[in-house]
Protein backbone atom coordinates (compact mmCIF):
# COMPACT_ATOMS: atom_id res chain seq x y z
CA MET A 1 93.32 90.03 125.62
CA SER A 2 92.55 93.26 124.52
CA ILE A 3 91.55 94.13 120.96
CA THR A 4 91.93 98.17 119.65
CA PHE A 5 92.24 99.65 116.57
CA PHE A 6 94.63 101.30 115.38
CA LYS A 7 93.31 103.17 111.92
CA ASN A 8 93.31 100.20 109.89
CA VAL A 9 94.80 97.66 111.43
CA ILE A 10 93.54 95.46 114.20
CA ARG A 11 95.68 95.27 117.71
CA VAL A 12 95.49 93.40 120.08
CA ILE A 13 97.10 93.61 123.59
CA PRO A 14 97.21 90.53 126.00
CA ASN A 15 96.49 91.12 129.72
CA GLY A 16 93.56 93.82 128.99
CA PHE A 17 89.97 94.02 128.17
CA THR A 18 87.91 94.30 125.55
CA LEU A 19 87.82 97.63 123.41
CA LEU A 20 84.85 96.63 120.52
CA GLY A 21 83.38 99.10 118.32
CA LEU A 22 85.98 101.58 119.57
CA LEU A 23 88.51 103.57 117.77
CA CYS A 24 92.09 104.26 118.84
CA TYR A 25 95.14 106.50 117.63
CA SER A 26 96.96 105.32 120.48
CA SER A 27 100.63 103.86 120.50
CA LEU A 28 100.33 100.51 121.68
CA THR A 29 103.01 97.90 123.19
CA GLY A 30 102.86 94.27 122.83
CA ALA A 31 102.35 91.88 120.74
CA VAL A 32 100.33 93.47 117.75
CA GLN A 33 97.76 91.32 115.29
CA PRO A 34 94.51 90.69 113.46
CA ALA A 35 93.06 89.73 116.68
CA ASP A 36 91.67 86.99 117.45
CA GLY A 37 87.62 86.32 116.78
CA ALA A 38 88.00 90.02 114.65
CA VAL A 39 85.36 90.00 112.14
CA LEU A 40 85.99 92.63 109.26
CA ASN A 41 84.41 93.72 105.64
CA TYR A 42 86.87 93.78 103.56
CA THR A 43 89.44 91.16 101.76
CA GLN A 44 92.71 93.30 101.01
CA VAL A 45 94.33 92.79 104.83
CA MET A 46 97.17 94.50 106.21
CA PHE A 47 98.89 92.70 108.56
CA GLU A 48 101.79 93.81 111.30
CA PHE A 49 103.56 93.12 113.85
CA ASP A 50 106.08 94.44 116.86
CA GLU A 51 109.43 93.93 115.87
CA VAL A 52 111.82 91.34 116.95
CA PRO A 53 114.99 92.06 118.40
CA GLY A 54 117.98 90.86 115.99
CA ALA A 55 115.39 89.20 113.49
CA ASP A 56 116.31 90.44 109.18
CA VAL A 57 113.41 88.31 107.56
CA TYR A 58 109.86 87.42 109.02
CA VAL A 59 107.38 85.08 106.84
CA LEU A 60 104.06 85.26 107.46
CA SER A 61 101.33 82.38 107.47
CA CYS A 62 97.30 82.66 106.68
CA HIS A 63 95.81 79.75 105.69
CA ALA A 64 91.81 79.64 105.71
CA LYS A 65 90.33 77.46 108.36
CA GLY A 66 90.09 73.50 107.72
CA SER A 67 91.99 74.16 104.86
CA GLY A 68 95.33 72.68 104.12
CA GLU A 69 95.92 75.67 101.41
CA ILE A 70 98.59 78.29 102.79
CA LEU A 71 99.24 82.03 101.60
CA ARG A 72 103.09 82.64 103.03
CA ARG A 73 104.87 86.24 102.49
CA ARG A 74 108.71 86.57 103.25
CA ILE A 75 109.45 89.70 104.24
CA SER A 76 111.69 92.52 105.85
CA SER A 77 109.33 94.90 106.77
CA LEU A 78 107.31 94.33 109.81
CA ALA A 79 103.68 94.95 107.80
CA CYS A 80 102.45 92.72 105.16
CA ALA A 81 99.14 93.15 102.74
CA ILE A 82 97.42 90.48 101.42
CA ASN A 83 95.59 91.74 98.22
CA SER A 84 94.02 88.30 97.33
CA GLY A 85 92.85 84.80 98.37
CA LEU A 86 91.20 86.13 101.32
CA ASN A 87 86.85 86.19 101.17
CA PHE A 88 84.08 87.93 102.37
CA GLY A 89 82.12 85.07 104.23
CA GLY A 90 85.27 83.68 105.05
CA GLN A 91 86.79 82.12 108.25
CA TYR A 92 91.22 82.22 108.39
CA GLN A 93 94.40 81.88 110.71
CA TRP A 94 97.24 82.82 110.95
CA PHE A 95 100.95 83.35 112.40
CA TYR A 96 103.73 85.01 111.82
CA GLU A 97 107.65 83.86 111.84
CA ALA A 98 111.00 85.64 112.99
CA PHE A 99 114.56 84.30 111.35
CA ARG A 100 118.21 85.77 111.83
CA LYS A 101 120.64 84.32 109.13
CA GLY A 102 118.17 81.83 108.40
CA LYS A 103 116.71 80.31 111.93
CA LEU A 104 113.63 80.48 113.24
CA ILE A 105 114.47 82.56 116.57
CA TYR A 106 110.26 83.02 117.15
CA LYS A 107 107.06 82.25 116.24
CA SER A 108 103.68 83.77 117.26
CA LYS A 109 100.96 81.54 118.46
CA PRO A 110 98.11 81.49 115.94
CA PHE A 111 95.84 84.17 115.18
CA ASP A 112 91.91 83.75 113.89
CA PHE A 113 89.92 85.94 112.44
CA SER A 114 87.02 86.18 109.66
CA ILE A 115 85.56 87.86 106.85
CA ALA A 116 81.79 88.93 107.21
CA GLN A 117 79.32 88.29 104.32
CA SER A 118 76.73 91.20 102.63
CA PHE A 119 74.37 91.14 100.12
CA LEU A 120 75.85 93.95 99.00
CA VAL A 121 79.28 92.01 97.62
CA VAL A 122 77.24 88.97 96.70
CA ARG A 123 78.04 88.29 93.49
CA ASP A 124 74.42 86.97 92.26
CA GLN A 125 73.04 89.96 93.08
CA PHE A 126 75.42 92.53 92.22
CA ARG A 127 78.05 92.06 89.76
CA TYR A 128 80.80 94.70 87.62
CA ASN A 129 80.90 93.66 84.00
CA VAL A 130 84.31 94.20 82.48
CA LEU A 131 84.20 94.73 78.85
CA SER A 132 87.69 95.35 77.38
CA HIS A 133 90.96 95.61 78.98
CA ILE A 134 94.42 96.68 77.46
CA PRO A 135 97.23 94.66 80.19
CA ASP A 136 99.25 97.41 81.44
CA SER A 137 97.75 100.55 79.66
CA PHE A 138 95.26 100.99 82.67
CA GLU A 139 95.33 102.08 86.65
CA ASN A 140 95.32 99.38 88.69
CA ASN A 141 93.37 100.90 91.77
CA LEU A 142 90.45 99.82 93.79
CA LEU A 143 87.09 101.81 92.78
CA PHE A 144 84.02 102.95 94.85
CA ILE A 145 80.96 101.85 93.93
CA ASP A 146 79.12 105.11 95.85
CA TYR A 147 75.84 104.17 95.32
CA LEU A 148 76.09 100.41 97.52
CA GLY A 149 78.99 101.67 99.40
CA VAL A 150 81.58 99.10 97.83
CA ALA A 151 84.69 99.23 96.43
CA ILE A 152 85.95 96.84 93.78
CA ASN A 153 89.80 96.06 92.09
CA ARG A 154 90.07 96.39 88.33
CA GLN A 155 89.00 92.80 87.83
CA GLY A 156 85.44 93.55 88.72
CA GLU A 157 85.77 91.55 92.43
CA PRO A 158 84.28 93.59 95.80
CA VAL A 159 87.43 93.95 97.70
CA TRP A 160 84.95 95.92 100.50
CA TYR A 161 82.00 97.38 101.76
CA MET A 162 80.73 100.17 103.83
CA PRO A 163 79.09 98.51 107.22
CA TYR A 164 75.47 100.31 108.33
CA ASP A 165 73.41 99.83 110.46
CA SER A 166 69.75 100.92 109.48
CA ALA A 167 70.11 98.71 106.47
CA VAL A 168 67.24 96.52 105.69
CA PHE A 169 68.76 93.21 103.98
CA GLY A 170 68.64 93.69 100.26
CA LYS A 171 67.81 97.56 100.65
CA VAL A 172 71.07 99.44 98.94
CA PRO A 173 72.46 102.32 101.19
CA ASN A 174 72.82 104.40 97.66
CA TYR A 175 75.47 106.99 99.35
CA ARG A 176 76.97 109.80 96.98
CA ASN A 177 79.81 110.45 96.61
CA LEU A 178 81.96 108.04 99.22
CA THR A 179 85.70 108.88 98.87
CA MET A 180 88.56 107.73 100.94
CA THR A 181 90.56 110.55 102.71
CA LYS A 182 94.17 110.84 103.44
CA ASN A 183 93.35 110.23 107.02
CA GLY A 184 92.25 106.81 105.54
CA THR A 185 88.38 107.41 106.51
CA PHE A 186 85.57 107.37 104.53
CA THR A 187 83.46 110.38 103.66
CA PHE A 188 80.61 110.15 102.08
CA LEU A 189 76.62 111.95 101.61
CA LYS A 190 72.95 109.97 102.02
CA GLY A 191 70.00 111.78 102.21
CA GLU A 192 70.81 115.11 103.44
CA GLN A 193 73.40 114.67 105.63
CA CYS A 194 77.26 114.22 105.48
CA PHE A 195 79.53 111.90 107.26
CA GLU A 196 82.70 110.34 107.97
CA LYS A 197 83.64 106.95 108.80
CA SER A 198 85.99 104.51 109.56
CA MET A 199 86.87 101.44 107.14
CA GLU A 200 85.40 99.14 109.77
CA GLY A 201 82.30 101.70 109.87
CA LEU A 202 82.68 103.74 112.98
CA PRO A 203 81.61 107.16 113.40
CA VAL A 204 84.68 109.54 112.88
CA TRP A 205 82.66 113.30 112.47
CA GLN A 206 78.73 113.82 111.05
CA GLY A 207 77.74 117.55 110.12
CA PRO A 208 75.72 119.14 112.50
CA SER A 209 72.70 120.20 110.23
CA ASP A 210 71.98 122.79 112.66
CA GLY A 211 70.58 125.36 110.75
CA LYS A 212 73.65 128.12 111.36
CA VAL A 213 73.66 129.26 107.93
CA SER A 214 70.44 128.23 106.44
CA ALA A 215 68.03 130.02 109.08
CA ALA A 216 66.09 126.92 109.34
CA ASP A 217 65.98 123.83 111.60
CA ARG A 218 68.18 122.20 108.91
CA GLU A 219 71.17 123.02 107.05
CA TRP A 220 69.83 120.66 103.53
CA TYR A 221 73.21 119.15 102.79
CA HIS A 222 73.08 117.54 99.01
CA HIS A 223 75.90 116.81 95.95
CA ASP A 224 78.86 117.48 97.30
CA PHE A 225 81.12 117.35 100.27
CA LEU A 226 84.68 117.40 101.22
CA LYS A 227 87.70 116.41 103.88
CA SER A 228 90.32 118.98 102.67
CA ILE A 229 93.92 118.38 103.79
CA ASP A 230 93.86 121.14 107.00
CA GLY A 231 90.52 119.22 108.59
CA THR A 232 88.31 121.36 107.45
CA TYR A 233 85.04 119.60 105.84
CA TYR A 234 83.33 121.42 103.09
CA VAL A 235 79.38 120.20 102.14
CA CYS A 236 76.84 122.44 99.71
CA SER A 237 73.74 123.04 101.42
CA TYR A 238 70.39 125.43 100.55
CA GLN A 239 69.25 128.45 102.02
CA TYR A 240 65.67 128.67 101.30
CA ASP A 241 64.38 132.80 101.80
CA SER A 242 61.35 134.90 100.62
CA THR A 243 62.68 137.16 98.40
CA GLU A 244 61.69 140.47 96.25
CA ASN A 245 60.16 139.20 93.11
CA PRO A 246 62.09 142.01 90.40
CA PHE A 247 59.88 140.40 87.84
CA ASN A 248 56.97 141.23 89.94
CA ARG A 249 57.90 144.15 93.14
CA SER A 250 54.26 143.57 94.28
CA GLU A 251 55.35 139.25 95.62
CA LYS A 252 57.34 138.05 96.91
CA ILE A 253 58.91 134.87 95.48
CA TRP A 254 60.09 132.09 98.01
CA VAL A 255 64.30 131.45 96.26
CA ARG A 256 66.22 128.33 97.50
CA TYR A 257 69.58 129.30 97.23
CA ASN A 258 72.88 127.26 97.12
CA THR A 259 76.00 127.63 99.73
CA ILE A 260 79.05 126.07 101.25
CA ILE A 261 79.39 125.33 104.61
CA GLY A 262 82.88 124.67 105.79
CA TYR A 263 83.24 122.85 109.80
CA ASN A 264 86.14 122.44 111.88
CA ASN A 265 85.95 119.48 113.91
CA GLU A 266 84.15 120.25 116.21
CA GLY A 267 81.40 120.98 113.98
CA GLN A 268 81.40 124.47 114.41
CA VAL A 269 81.27 127.03 111.35
CA ARG A 270 84.12 128.36 110.53
CA TRP A 271 83.90 129.80 106.75
CA SER A 272 80.29 129.73 104.15
CA TRP A 273 79.21 130.86 101.28
CA ASN A 274 76.02 132.39 100.33
CA GLU A 275 75.32 132.86 96.41
CA LYS A 276 72.53 135.58 97.60
CA ASP A 277 75.34 137.79 98.27
CA HIS A 278 77.35 137.23 94.61
CA VAL A 279 74.93 136.24 91.93
CA PRO A 280 71.80 138.51 90.97
CA VAL A 281 68.09 137.12 91.61
CA THR A 282 67.42 137.92 88.03
CA GLU A 283 70.02 135.64 86.87
CA ILE A 284 68.80 133.00 89.62
CA LEU A 285 65.71 132.82 89.07
CA LYS A 286 65.37 133.18 85.49
CA SER A 287 67.75 129.68 85.83
CA SER A 288 64.85 127.46 87.23
CA GLY A 289 62.64 129.09 84.26
CA SER A 290 60.56 130.35 87.50
CA LEU A 291 59.25 133.83 87.76
CA THR A 292 57.36 133.78 90.28
CA GLY A 293 55.97 131.51 93.52
CA SER A 294 59.06 129.41 93.98
CA SER A 295 62.26 128.57 92.43
CA SER A 296 64.74 126.18 92.30
CA GLY A 297 67.43 128.29 90.99
CA THR A 298 70.36 127.70 89.58
CA HIS A 299 70.66 124.18 91.27
CA MET A 300 74.55 123.91 92.50
CA ASN A 301 75.97 119.76 91.86
CA GLY A 302 79.37 120.19 92.73
CA PHE A 303 82.46 121.96 93.78
CA ALA A 304 86.34 121.65 93.40
CA TRP A 305 88.08 122.96 96.40
CA ASN A 306 92.21 124.37 94.83
CA GLU A 307 93.97 123.86 98.49
CA LYS A 308 96.89 125.47 97.30
CA GLU A 309 95.84 128.39 95.64
CA GLN A 310 92.75 128.51 98.16
CA TYR A 311 89.59 129.63 95.67
CA PHE A 312 86.25 127.46 94.55
CA ILE A 313 85.39 125.80 91.47
CA MET A 314 81.55 125.53 91.67
CA SER A 315 79.34 124.41 89.27
CA PHE A 316 75.79 125.11 88.84
CA ARG A 317 73.15 123.20 86.50
CA ASN A 318 70.40 125.12 85.84
CA ASN A 319 71.95 128.26 84.08
CA SER A 320 75.53 125.93 83.02
CA THR A 321 77.63 127.65 85.02
CA LEU A 322 81.25 127.82 86.24
CA LEU A 323 82.05 129.92 89.11
CA LYS A 324 85.54 130.51 90.59
CA VAL A 325 85.19 131.94 93.92
CA ASP A 326 88.11 133.51 96.19
CA LYS A 327 87.28 131.98 100.00
CA LYS A 328 89.10 134.38 101.37
CA THR A 329 86.70 137.23 100.15
CA GLY A 330 83.65 135.05 98.41
CA LYS A 331 84.49 137.55 95.87
CA ILE A 332 83.60 135.59 92.41
CA MET A 333 87.23 135.59 90.66
CA TYR A 334 85.64 134.44 87.16
CA ARG A 335 82.57 133.81 85.63
CA LEU A 336 82.47 131.69 82.91
CA ARG A 337 78.72 130.07 81.08
CA GLY A 338 78.74 127.26 78.88
CA ASP A 339 75.74 127.16 76.93
CA GLU A 340 76.08 131.31 75.94
CA GLY A 341 77.94 132.12 72.77
CA ASP A 342 81.21 130.55 72.59
CA PRO A 343 83.21 130.72 75.99
CA PHE A 344 86.08 129.39 74.01
CA VAL A 345 88.20 129.89 71.07
CA SER A 346 87.65 127.19 69.49
CA GLY A 347 85.69 123.93 71.13
CA SER A 348 82.70 122.80 72.30
CA ARG A 349 79.93 124.72 75.00
CA PHE A 350 78.68 122.65 78.06
CA TYR A 351 75.74 122.13 78.97
CA GLY A 352 73.76 120.59 82.20
CA GLN A 353 77.55 120.04 83.35
CA HIS A 354 78.59 118.08 86.89
CA SER A 355 81.14 117.45 89.80
CA PRO A 356 84.33 119.97 88.02
CA GLY A 357 87.73 118.72 89.70
CA PHE A 358 91.34 119.34 89.46
CA THR A 359 94.52 117.59 86.83
CA ARG A 360 97.85 117.13 88.71
CA THR A 361 98.31 120.47 86.73
CA GLY A 362 96.03 122.65 88.06
CA ASP A 363 93.47 122.80 85.49
CA VAL A 364 90.18 121.79 85.48
CA ILE A 365 88.63 118.89 84.49
CA LEU A 366 84.52 118.77 83.65
CA TYR A 367 81.79 115.95 83.32
CA ASN A 368 79.80 117.85 80.77
CA ASN A 369 76.10 116.06 80.63
CA ASN A 370 76.15 117.82 77.28
CA ALA A 371 72.05 118.32 78.18
CA GLN A 372 71.52 120.77 74.99
CA PRO A 373 68.60 121.79 73.28
CA VAL A 374 68.19 120.51 70.12
CA SER A 375 66.07 121.13 67.10
CA ASP A 376 67.17 117.97 65.35
CA LYS A 377 65.58 114.55 66.67
CA THR A 378 68.01 112.91 65.01
CA LYS A 379 71.48 114.05 66.48
CA ARG A 380 72.80 111.84 68.74
CA LEU A 381 74.09 113.62 72.06
CA PHE A 382 76.45 111.82 74.30
CA PRO A 383 78.20 113.78 77.43
CA LYS A 384 81.99 114.98 77.06
CA VAL A 385 84.29 114.89 79.78
CA MET A 386 86.34 118.64 79.13
CA LEU A 387 89.91 119.97 80.30
CA MET A 388 90.11 123.85 80.20
CA GLN A 389 92.02 126.59 81.64
CA ILE A 390 89.74 129.24 83.49
CA PRO A 391 92.14 132.27 83.83
CA GLN A 392 92.34 135.32 86.28
CA GLY A 393 90.71 138.52 84.77
CA LYS A 394 88.84 138.97 81.48
CA ALA A 395 91.09 136.72 79.68
CA THR A 396 89.75 134.30 77.04
CA PRO A 397 89.22 130.03 79.14
CA ARG A 398 91.02 127.77 77.20
CA LEU A 399 89.78 124.16 76.06
CA LEU A 400 92.76 121.62 76.16
CA TRP A 401 91.10 118.48 75.52
CA GLU A 402 87.46 116.62 75.36
CA TYR A 403 86.28 113.31 74.52
CA GLU A 404 82.94 112.56 73.58
CA CYS A 405 81.80 109.05 75.63
CA VAL A 406 79.67 107.97 72.73
CA MET A 407 78.77 104.32 73.46
CA LYS A 408 77.42 101.19 71.97
CA GLU A 409 74.53 100.39 74.32
CA TYR A 410 73.02 103.64 73.68
CA PRO A 411 72.57 103.71 69.92
CA ASP A 412 70.23 107.04 69.84
CA GLY A 413 72.64 108.76 72.28
CA TRP A 414 72.85 109.67 75.95
CA VAL A 415 72.26 112.87 77.50
CA GLY A 416 71.17 111.89 81.79
CA LYS A 417 72.89 113.89 84.77
CA GLU A 418 75.41 113.55 87.23
CA GLY A 419 78.34 111.78 86.33
CA TYR A 420 82.22 113.08 87.22
CA ALA A 421 85.73 112.63 85.56
CA GLU A 422 88.90 111.60 87.44
CA GLN A 423 92.39 111.95 86.03
CA LEU A 424 94.55 109.00 87.42
CA ASN A 425 98.10 109.31 88.25
CA ASN A 426 99.03 107.17 84.73
CA LYS A 427 97.64 110.82 83.36
CA ASN A 428 94.71 108.41 81.76
CA ILE A 429 91.06 109.63 82.47
CA LEU A 430 88.76 107.93 84.70
CA ILE A 431 85.07 108.34 83.47
CA CYS A 432 81.76 107.22 85.71
CA VAL A 433 78.95 108.27 82.91
CA GLY A 434 76.02 110.13 84.55
CA GLY A 435 73.09 108.10 85.25
CA ALA A 436 74.36 105.28 83.48
CA ASN A 437 76.14 102.13 83.88
CA LYS A 438 79.36 102.64 82.57
CA LEU A 439 83.06 103.05 84.20
CA LEU A 440 85.49 103.87 81.00
CA GLU A 441 89.48 104.95 81.54
CA VAL A 442 90.48 106.63 78.31
CA THR A 443 94.43 107.70 77.62
CA PRO A 444 95.17 111.18 76.63
CA GLY A 445 95.27 110.40 72.72
CA LYS A 446 91.27 109.23 73.54
CA LYS A 447 91.96 105.22 73.30
CA VAL A 448 89.92 103.19 75.73
CA VAL A 449 92.04 100.83 77.72
CA TRP A 450 89.62 99.22 80.58
CA GLU A 451 85.10 99.30 79.92
CA MET A 452 83.25 98.02 82.53
CA ASN A 453 78.90 98.05 83.31
CA CYS A 454 77.40 97.51 86.65
CA GLU A 455 74.84 95.20 86.93
CA LEU A 456 72.25 93.65 88.98
CA HIS A 457 70.24 90.80 88.98
CA SER A 458 66.48 91.44 88.52
CA SER A 459 64.26 88.53 90.20
CA LYS A 460 61.30 90.32 88.67
CA GLU A 461 62.94 90.46 85.51
CA ASN A 462 64.76 87.28 85.65
CA LYS A 463 67.81 88.70 84.08
CA TRP A 464 70.88 91.34 85.02
CA VAL A 465 69.84 95.44 84.45
CA PRO A 466 71.72 98.18 84.42
CA PHE A 467 72.59 100.30 86.97
CA SER A 468 73.61 103.60 87.68
CA ASN A 469 75.89 105.38 89.87
CA TYR A 470 76.75 109.02 91.05
CA ARG A 471 80.41 109.29 91.41
CA SER A 472 83.96 106.64 91.23
CA HIS A 473 86.11 107.67 92.92
CA CYS A 474 89.50 105.33 92.94
CA THR A 475 92.22 104.29 95.50
CA SER A 476 95.47 102.65 95.08
CA SER A 477 94.47 100.13 97.55
CA LEU A 478 92.96 100.66 100.82
CA TYR A 479 96.73 101.13 102.34
CA PRO A 480 97.57 104.07 100.00
CA GLN A 481 99.66 105.95 102.84
CA TYR A 482 101.03 103.32 105.66
CA PHE A 483 104.84 103.19 106.88
CA THR A 484 106.68 101.11 109.66
CA VAL A 485 109.83 102.07 111.51
CA GLN A 486 112.37 98.75 112.43
CA GLN A 487 115.52 99.74 114.48
CA PRO A 488 118.17 97.53 112.70
CA ASP A 489 119.65 95.65 115.41
CA GLY A 490 116.63 95.70 117.54
CA ARG A 491 118.31 98.16 120.52
CA TRP A 492 115.99 101.17 120.70
CA GLU A 493 118.87 103.22 122.98
CA VAL A 494 122.39 105.09 122.80
CA GLY A 495 125.02 104.53 123.87
CA LYS A 496 128.48 106.32 123.09
CA GLN A 497 127.96 106.67 119.61
CA ASN A 498 127.22 109.78 117.82
CA ARG A 499 124.38 108.54 115.80
CA PHE A 500 121.50 106.71 115.81
CA SER A 501 119.74 104.05 112.62
CA ILE A 502 116.34 103.76 111.28
CA LYS A 503 115.08 101.58 108.98
CA LEU A 504 111.36 103.32 107.39
CA ASN A 505 108.97 100.94 105.85
CA ASN A 506 106.87 102.27 103.42
CA ASP A 507 104.23 99.67 103.09
CA GLY A 508 101.23 101.40 102.02
CA THR A 509 100.79 101.71 98.10
CA ASP A 510 101.42 105.43 97.83
CA THR A 511 104.68 107.52 97.29
CA ASP A 512 104.91 109.43 100.65
CA THR A 513 107.36 112.22 101.46
CA TYR A 514 107.91 111.15 105.71
CA THR A 515 109.57 113.83 108.40
CA ILE A 516 111.91 112.74 110.85
CA GLU A 517 112.32 114.77 114.16
CA TRP A 518 114.31 113.59 116.81
CA PHE A 519 113.95 115.30 120.15
CA SER A 520 115.07 115.20 123.76
CA ASN A 521 115.27 117.29 126.73
CA ASN A 522 118.86 117.13 128.30
CA VAL A 523 121.52 115.17 125.96
CA PHE A 524 121.22 115.92 122.07
CA LYS A 525 120.29 118.75 119.34
CA PRO A 526 116.94 118.28 118.22
CA PHE A 527 117.48 117.37 114.48
CA SER A 528 115.32 116.91 111.66
CA THR A 529 114.84 115.97 107.92
CA THR A 530 112.76 114.59 105.38
CA VAL A 531 112.65 111.67 102.71
CA THR A 532 110.87 110.39 99.84
CA VAL A 533 109.95 107.01 99.78
CA LYS A 534 108.44 105.24 96.91
CA PRO A 535 105.46 102.22 98.22
CA GLY A 536 107.13 98.81 98.87
CA VAL A 537 110.27 100.46 99.16
CA SER A 538 112.92 100.39 102.43
CA VAL A 539 115.07 103.20 103.45
CA LEU A 540 117.71 103.18 105.84
CA GLN A 541 117.84 106.79 107.53
CA ILE A 542 120.93 107.46 109.83
CA ILE A 543 120.28 110.11 112.44
CA PRO A 544 123.67 111.87 113.13
CA LEU A 545 123.77 112.91 117.49
CA VAL A 546 125.54 116.00 118.53
CA ARG A 547 124.98 116.27 122.09
CA ASN A 548 124.88 119.43 123.91
CA ARG A 549 127.15 121.55 125.89
CA PRO A 550 127.14 121.17 128.59
CA VAL A 551 125.25 117.72 129.35
CA LYS A 552 122.74 118.47 132.07
CA LYS A 553 122.46 115.41 134.23
CA GLU A 554 118.79 115.89 135.64
CA GLY A 555 116.10 114.98 133.27
CA THR A 556 114.91 111.70 131.78
CA LYS A 557 117.69 110.79 129.60
CA ILE A 558 114.93 109.66 127.14
CA ALA A 559 114.74 110.76 123.37
CA VAL A 560 111.47 111.06 121.23
CA LEU A 561 112.05 109.53 117.23
CA ARG A 562 108.79 110.87 115.35
CA VAL A 563 108.00 109.62 111.76
CA SER A 564 104.97 111.84 109.88
CA SER A 565 103.88 110.58 106.69
CA GLY A 566 103.40 113.56 104.69
CA LEU A 567 100.33 112.34 102.72
CA ASN A 568 98.38 111.64 105.56
CA PRO A 569 97.50 114.09 108.80
CA THR A 570 97.27 111.34 111.11
CA GLY A 571 100.31 109.34 109.75
CA VAL A 572 102.67 110.34 113.08
CA LYS A 573 104.07 107.62 114.99
CA ASP A 574 106.51 108.16 118.52
CA TYR A 575 108.95 106.13 119.28
CA THR A 576 111.04 105.92 122.58
CA VAL A 577 115.13 105.76 122.22
CA LYS A 578 116.92 104.61 125.72
CA ILE A 579 119.80 107.60 126.40
CA ILE A 580 122.51 104.51 128.50
């Protein structure tokens, strides 16, 4: 028996050899299930098995070893996610049965698996204290706590953690910007390095940090890192350079310039942008308040990438500036400085902002730390979240929406750093308060419908204390894009009929659009169509078959059916159909 990983599912191939720790995307044959002895690091588990010819219903059963309690799921698909009832540190056994018209036609043998334990998910060390929630008003998704590398549900329960090899027990990894990609992998920053790993913690990609852009021994990655839909990796970095001081031309000054690097999958630089080519050095020096010796510069602390229109929104903290930058030319399309005058026709300025992003309509969402200088020491300041339109040319930007993050835990106000805001599918805003320990979801009408504090237990003080989080991204589940394909009668072959039918199951938690392609080398003409399927829904797709005229007798009489996910670039499955 051999074990291999296929995306987020652990699969088994009988009569093989063990391949532990290897990530594989090949098509598999034989029985498919979480493997005997598999050790998982998540409690949301996707079970998938091969089709049993003639079956119309399957029953999945799973129970804790040594316990009589059994979880049962009756499904018509080939995959089923169990989202509750499985716990870290538990040992489990499962099997599946196939039925036709109520009659049992197949029963698998039982398979064992376990879920590892980690101090990162022990509830007497870390807790997520849900202070308030309004049922059916907030989005019931998963949130990533990047400080720990943990995913939690909206009840404050951990469901996944990122394993890491070099950790000392009790020492948190302190990741930054932990994000789930459309491929089902995870990208994050740790120290001065950026990584992509699988859900099981296996390495997928790592930034080379070879100094090709910085002209030094490394790139100094920082703050922001993402993987775009086309597979390019974009990351913030620095270049340190000795520059003539414009305020005293008889001396040099050491300047930290901000750069963004775009890598391909092989770690080769395919694009880069350097601040020093587009921003006057006088502005860079004034931003840090240092006009001699060395300068930390403008301090880029985030960017947003518009894949459709191919431009970046870049955030610079030290001069409270947003730049809209065209990728093709690198030129600044629009410059918005939040602390100079009033940048909007009406509404607030922004100061020391962090982490720009985009709404689903293409507007900019910004976490404004509101770190403004005030002469009135009694004035209470809190962070704000802003939605704005940044136009082309010299047109005036528009402030569309603003929410002030007033927190009762901080009666004297809170002005920190970091922070993040993201628009959810329900159009609410998820806010991670920078420097504080609070997460909250706010409606467009500015009503808080869910609120939570992150806390750790201090053994020294013997009490629960706050811990801050850099950002908190979210996902609908650990399996947002997941599908299986069946043939209604279980016969993957074509005779004299002029059509072929498949059942396409969206077993994930996001609505997806699938491309279905049929092609063969000698018998039928190619066919392609798309279909949009909501999560948990199955559709019957009929593929019309038109024979070539004349039909070539030579060649293998095999057709290929390909189904591709529109959301997941690696979500492609090929099936062979025998032509008889």
